[in-house]
């Protein structure tokens, strides 16, 4: 649908609702028709994202929304709110997955701290990352940056922490400092693909999926058959509400992982496809 057709659909739904009220007041039995209309609305709710896109976005919808504001039962004039809530729920699901991964990583870290006795440098880096992630979860990016800088005071120049520092500087709109930090750490990584994917994961973790997508696509231009890269690309696309493209990326990740014997990515990609299919 183009914008005019999509807006006409919303207006026709208003007209349908008004006709129901008129005919019911006249004593008509509309039980079957009401069932069909409710079924149609349920299907439309599931397609709120494509419908909002067809209308032309939030601004066009707000411009054509009836005045005074219609009641909540005419929910189709508020599909921008539905889409926003859908994206929030999707981000929460991905965030929960990230937390589970972090718990597993934490268990491994604990093993290193007790059984395998890591070096003080490793402990300092892990502690700094954990403190930074806790601050990010609370929405305090300045505190997260301070935690990373405290870690770097103990392990100067540590590549992962330095990259984390650049991503946090970027999130605080300190772009010149971030650019200098990225330039410094890129040479330390040595591996451009590893650098790009590591930065993509950090950008994804702080909910910057557009920038993360740029990093992953740049990595795939260098090496296109990386299952993990396709998996991260799917996550960046899913967080942007681009479900069809995300499903393609997850499928590609699963196929490559199957060929390469990467069972972890096979499982994660299949779970992601199931999640998308249930939306």
Protein backbone atom coordinates (compact mmCIF):
# COMPACT_ATOMS: atom_id res chain seq x y z
CA UNK A 1 0.00 0.00 0.00
CA UNK A 2 1.01 3.57 -0.58
CA UNK A 3 0.39 6.24 2.05
CA UNK A 4 -2.96 7.34 0.66
CA UNK A 5 -4.29 3.77 0.58
CA UNK A 6 -3.05 3.02 4.10
CA UNK A 7 -4.67 6.18 5.49
CA UNK A 8 -7.90 5.32 3.65
CA UNK A 9 -7.87 1.93 5.37
CA UNK A 10 -7.70 3.62 8.79
CA UNK A 11 -10.54 5.95 7.86
CA UNK A 12 -12.65 3.06 6.57
CA UNK A 13 -12.13 1.29 9.90
CA UNK A 14 -13.54 4.39 11.63
CA UNK A 15 -16.51 4.26 9.27
CA UNK A 16 -17.01 0.54 9.92
CA UNK A 17 -17.02 1.09 13.67
CA UNK A 18 -19.57 3.89 13.30
CA UNK A 19 -21.79 1.67 11.13
CA UNK A 20 -21.70 -1.05 13.76
CA UNK A 21 -22.95 1.45 16.35
CA UNK A 22 -25.74 2.67 14.05
CA UNK A 23 -26.95 -0.78 13.04
CA UNK A 24 -26.81 -2.14 16.58
CA UNK A 25 -28.87 0.83 17.74
CA UNK A 26 -31.42 -0.08 15.06
CA UNK A 27 -31.66 -3.60 16.47
CA UNK A 28 -29.55 -5.49 13.89
CA UNK A 29 -27.85 -8.76 14.89
CA UNK A 30 -24.22 -8.26 13.91
CA UNK A 31 -22.56 -10.99 15.98
CA UNK A 32 -21.03 -12.76 12.96
CA UNK A 33 -19.87 -9.49 11.39
CA UNK A 34 -18.34 -8.37 14.68
CA UNK A 35 -16.40 -11.62 14.87
CA UNK A 36 -15.01 -11.08 11.39
CA UNK A 37 -14.12 -7.45 12.14
CA UNK A 38 -12.33 -8.43 15.35
CA UNK A 39 -10.44 -11.14 13.47
CA UNK A 40 -9.42 -8.57 10.86
CA UNK A 41 -8.21 -6.21 13.61
CA UNK A 42 -6.16 -8.99 15.22
CA UNK A 43 -4.43 -9.65 11.91
CA UNK A 44 -3.81 -5.95 11.41
CA UNK A 45 -2.28 -5.60 14.88
CA UNK A 46 0.29 -8.24 13.94
CA UNK A 47 1.19 -6.12 10.89
CA UNK A 48 1.33 -2.79 12.73
CA UNK A 49 4.96 -2.24 11.71
CA UNK A 50 4.42 -2.62 7.93
CA UNK A 51 1.21 -0.59 8.21
CA UNK A 52 2.97 2.29 9.97
CA UNK A 53 5.67 2.19 7.31
CA UNK A 54 3.02 2.25 4.56
CA UNK A 55 1.30 5.25 6.17
CA UNK A 56 4.60 7.12 6.05
CA UNK A 57 5.77 6.91 9.65
CA UNK A 58 4.85 8.52 12.96
CA UNK A 59 4.78 12.09 11.66
CA UNK A 60 2.33 11.33 8.83
CA UNK A 61 0.13 9.30 11.16
CA UNK A 62 0.03 12.13 13.73
CA UNK A 63 -0.76 14.66 10.99
CA UNK A 64 -3.81 12.69 9.79
CA UNK A 65 -5.02 11.48 13.21
CA UNK A 66 -8.56 12.81 13.78
CA UNK A 67 -9.07 15.84 16.02
CA UNK A 68 -9.94 15.66 18.83
CA UNK A 69 -7.89 12.55 19.55
CA UNK A 70 -10.02 9.41 19.01
CA UNK A 71 -10.70 7.00 21.90
CA UNK A 72 -8.40 4.05 22.55
CA UNK A 73 -10.86 1.61 20.96
CA UNK A 74 -9.84 3.14 17.63
CA UNK A 75 -6.36 1.78 18.28
CA UNK A 76 -5.34 1.91 14.60
CA UNK A 77 -4.64 5.64 14.98
CA UNK A 78 -2.04 4.77 17.62
CA UNK A 79 -0.09 2.05 15.83
CA UNK A 80 3.12 4.02 16.38
CA UNK A 81 2.78 3.21 20.08
CA UNK A 82 2.15 -0.46 19.29
CA UNK A 83 5.27 -0.62 17.13
CA UNK A 84 7.38 1.13 19.78
CA UNK A 85 6.21 -1.29 22.47
CA UNK A 86 6.86 -4.24 20.17
CA UNK A 87 10.44 -3.05 19.66
CA UNK A 88 10.90 -2.55 23.40
CA UNK A 89 9.73 -6.11 24.08
CA UNK A 90 12.06 -7.42 21.38
CA UNK A 91 15.00 -5.54 22.87
CA UNK A 92 14.16 -6.91 26.32
CA UNK A 93 14.19 -10.47 24.94
CA UNK A 94 17.58 -9.94 23.31
CA UNK A 95 18.85 -8.20 26.45
CA UNK A 96 17.76 -11.21 28.52
CA UNK A 97 19.71 -13.47 26.18
CA UNK A 98 22.76 -11.23 26.59
CA UNK A 99 22.36 -11.39 30.37
CA UNK A 100 22.25 -15.20 30.25
CA UNK A 101 25.43 -15.20 28.21
CA UNK A 102 27.02 -12.83 30.70
CA UNK A 103 26.01 -15.14 33.56
CA UNK A 104 27.73 -18.02 31.78
CA UNK A 105 30.77 -15.85 31.18
CA UNK A 106 30.66 -14.88 34.84
CA UNK A 107 30.75 -18.53 35.85
CA UNK A 108 33.78 -19.04 33.65
CA UNK A 109 35.38 -15.97 35.18
CA UNK A 110 34.70 -17.36 38.64
CA UNK A 111 36.42 -20.59 37.67
CA UNK A 112 39.41 -18.61 36.47
CA UNK A 113 39.44 -16.64 39.71
CA UNK A 114 39.42 -19.77 41.87
CA UNK A 115 40.57 -22.92 40.12
CA UNK A 116 42.73 -21.63 37.30
CA UNK A 117 44.04 -18.53 39.12
CA UNK A 118 44.22 -15.94 36.35
CA UNK A 119 46.64 -13.07 36.36
CA UNK A 120 45.76 -9.83 38.19
CA UNK A 121 45.53 -8.14 34.78
CA UNK A 122 42.76 -10.50 33.64
CA UNK A 123 40.88 -9.98 36.91
CA UNK A 124 41.16 -6.19 36.52
CA UNK A 125 39.81 -6.33 32.98
CA UNK A 126 36.88 -8.58 33.85
CA UNK A 127 35.98 -6.51 36.92
CA UNK A 128 36.03 -3.33 34.84
CA UNK A 129 33.80 -4.88 32.16
CA UNK A 130 31.31 -6.19 34.74
CA UNK A 131 31.11 -2.82 36.52
CA UNK A 132 30.64 -1.05 33.19
CA UNK A 133 27.83 -3.41 32.13
CA UNK A 134 26.06 -2.87 35.44
CA UNK A 135 26.21 0.90 34.91
CA UNK A 136 24.93 0.51 31.34
CA UNK A 137 21.96 -1.50 32.58
CA UNK A 138 21.12 1.47 34.82
CA UNK A 139 21.47 3.88 31.89
CA UNK A 140 24.56 5.60 33.34
CA UNK A 141 27.08 5.64 30.51
CA UNK A 142 29.35 8.12 32.28
CA UNK A 143 29.72 5.73 35.22
CA UNK A 144 30.36 2.91 32.74
CA UNK A 145 33.16 4.95 31.13
CA UNK A 146 34.66 5.67 34.53
CA UNK A 147 34.63 1.94 35.36
CA UNK A 148 36.46 1.14 32.12
CA UNK A 149 39.00 3.91 32.70
CA UNK A 150 39.61 2.56 36.20
CA UNK A 151 40.35 -0.82 34.64
CA UNK A 152 42.70 0.75 32.12
CA UNK A 153 44.57 2.40 34.98
CA UNK A 154 45.45 -1.11 36.15
CA UNK A 155 46.04 -2.63 32.69
CA UNK A 156 47.07 0.29 30.43
CA UNK A 157 46.40 -0.23 26.75
CA UNK A 158 44.40 -3.45 27.18
CA UNK A 159 42.71 -3.78 23.74
CA UNK A 160 39.24 -4.90 24.79
CA UNK A 161 38.92 -2.28 27.50
CA UNK A 162 40.29 0.40 25.20
CA UNK A 163 37.72 -0.55 22.54
CA UNK A 164 35.01 -0.46 25.22
CA UNK A 165 36.22 3.03 26.18
CA UNK A 166 35.82 4.23 22.60
CA UNK A 167 32.29 2.86 22.31
CA UNK A 168 31.28 4.55 25.56
CA UNK A 169 32.84 7.85 24.48
CA UNK A 170 30.81 7.54 21.31
CA UNK A 171 27.62 6.96 23.32
CA UNK A 172 28.32 10.18 25.24
CA UNK A 173 28.69 12.11 21.94
CA UNK A 174 32.43 12.62 22.51
CA UNK A 175 33.05 11.72 18.88
CA UNK A 176 36.54 13.20 18.49
CA UNK A 177 37.80 11.32 21.55
CA UNK A 178 36.10 8.13 20.36
CA UNK A 179 37.73 8.41 16.94
CA UNK A 180 41.16 8.80 18.53
CA UNK A 181 40.53 5.82 20.82
CA UNK A 182 39.38 3.64 17.91
CA UNK A 183 42.45 4.59 15.89
CA UNK A 184 44.66 3.66 18.84
CA UNK A 185 43.08 0.28 19.51
CA UNK A 186 42.58 -0.86 15.92
CA UNK A 187 46.32 -1.34 15.49
CA UNK A 188 46.50 -3.24 18.78
CA UNK A 189 43.90 -5.76 17.59
CA UNK A 190 45.90 -6.64 14.50
CA UNK A 191 42.89 -8.55 13.11
CA UNK A 192 40.48 -6.12 11.38
CA UNK A 193 37.61 -8.62 11.39
CA UNK A 194 38.00 -9.31 15.10
CA UNK A 195 38.15 -5.58 15.77
CA UNK A 196 34.96 -4.85 13.80
CA UNK A 197 32.97 -7.72 15.31
CA UNK A 198 34.10 -6.86 18.84
CA UNK A 199 33.03 -3.26 18.35
CA UNK A 200 29.73 -4.40 16.82
CA UNK A 201 28.95 -6.52 19.87
CA UNK A 202 29.68 -3.63 22.22
CA UNK A 203 27.60 -1.23 20.14
CA UNK A 204 24.79 -3.76 20.15
CA UNK A 205 25.08 -4.10 23.92
CA UNK A 206 24.46 -0.36 24.39
CA UNK A 207 21.53 -0.42 21.93
CA UNK A 208 23.22 1.18 18.91
CA UNK A 209 22.16 -1.43 16.31
CA UNK A 210 22.59 0.87 13.30
CA UNK A 211 26.28 1.39 14.06
CA UNK A 212 26.71 -2.29 14.92
CA UNK A 213 25.25 -3.21 11.53
CA UNK A 214 27.85 -1.03 9.78
CA UNK A 215 30.65 -2.84 11.62
CA UNK A 216 29.33 -6.32 10.82
CA UNK A 217 28.80 -5.55 7.15
CA UNK A 218 32.35 -4.18 6.95
CA UNK A 219 33.65 -7.41 8.54
CA UNK A 220 31.63 -9.54 6.09
CA UNK A 221 33.14 -7.63 3.17
CA UNK A 222 36.53 -8.89 4.38
CA UNK A 223 35.41 -12.44 5.20
CA UNK A 224 31.89 -13.34 4.11
CA UNK A 225 31.60 -16.90 5.46
CA UNK A 226 31.68 -16.21 9.20
CA UNK A 227 28.66 -17.76 10.94
CA UNK A 228 29.10 -15.62 14.04
CA UNK A 229 29.16 -12.42 11.97
CA UNK A 230 25.88 -13.33 10.25
CA UNK A 231 24.38 -14.09 13.66
CA UNK A 232 25.35 -10.65 14.98
CA UNK A 233 24.02 -9.06 11.78
CA UNK A 234 20.68 -10.76 12.40
CA UNK A 235 20.58 -9.29 15.92
CA UNK A 236 21.32 -5.78 14.65
CA UNK A 237 18.56 -6.05 12.03
CA UNK A 238 16.07 -7.53 14.50
CA UNK A 239 16.60 -4.65 16.91
CA UNK A 240 15.88 -2.23 14.06
CA UNK A 241 12.56 -3.94 13.36
CA UNK A 242 13.74 -5.38 10.03
CA UNK A 243 12.42 -8.87 10.71
CA UNK A 244 12.57 -10.23 7.15
CA UNK A 245 16.22 -9.22 6.69
CA UNK A 246 17.04 -10.51 10.16
CA UNK A 247 15.55 -13.91 9.32
CA UNK A 248 17.69 -14.08 6.18
CA UNK A 249 20.82 -13.29 8.19
CA UNK A 250 19.97 -15.89 10.86
CA UNK A 251 19.32 -18.49 8.16
CA UNK A 252 22.67 -17.72 6.55
CA UNK A 253 24.38 -17.99 9.96
CA UNK A 254 22.78 -21.38 10.59
CA UNK A 255 23.65 -22.75 7.15
CA UNK A 256 27.30 -21.69 7.42
CA UNK A 257 27.54 -22.94 10.99
CA UNK A 258 26.12 -26.31 9.96
CA UNK A 259 28.72 -26.62 7.20
CA UNK A 260 31.54 -25.58 9.54
CA UNK A 261 30.46 -27.63 12.55
CA UNK A 262 29.78 -24.61 14.75
CA UNK A 263 27.01 -26.13 16.87
CA UNK A 264 26.61 -23.12 19.14
CA UNK A 265 25.77 -20.77 16.27
CA UNK A 266 23.47 -23.43 14.76
CA UNK A 267 21.43 -23.50 17.97
CA UNK A 268 21.41 -19.72 18.45
CA UNK A 269 20.36 -19.07 14.85
CA UNK A 270 17.53 -21.61 15.05
CA UNK A 271 16.29 -20.08 18.32
CA UNK A 272 16.36 -16.64 16.72
CA UNK A 273 14.31 -17.88 13.75
CA UNK A 274 11.75 -19.39 16.10
CA UNK A 275 11.58 -16.10 18.00
CA UNK A 276 10.97 -14.17 14.80
CA UNK A 277 8.36 -16.65 13.66
CA UNK A 278 6.43 -16.16 16.89
CA UNK A 279 6.13 -12.40 16.51
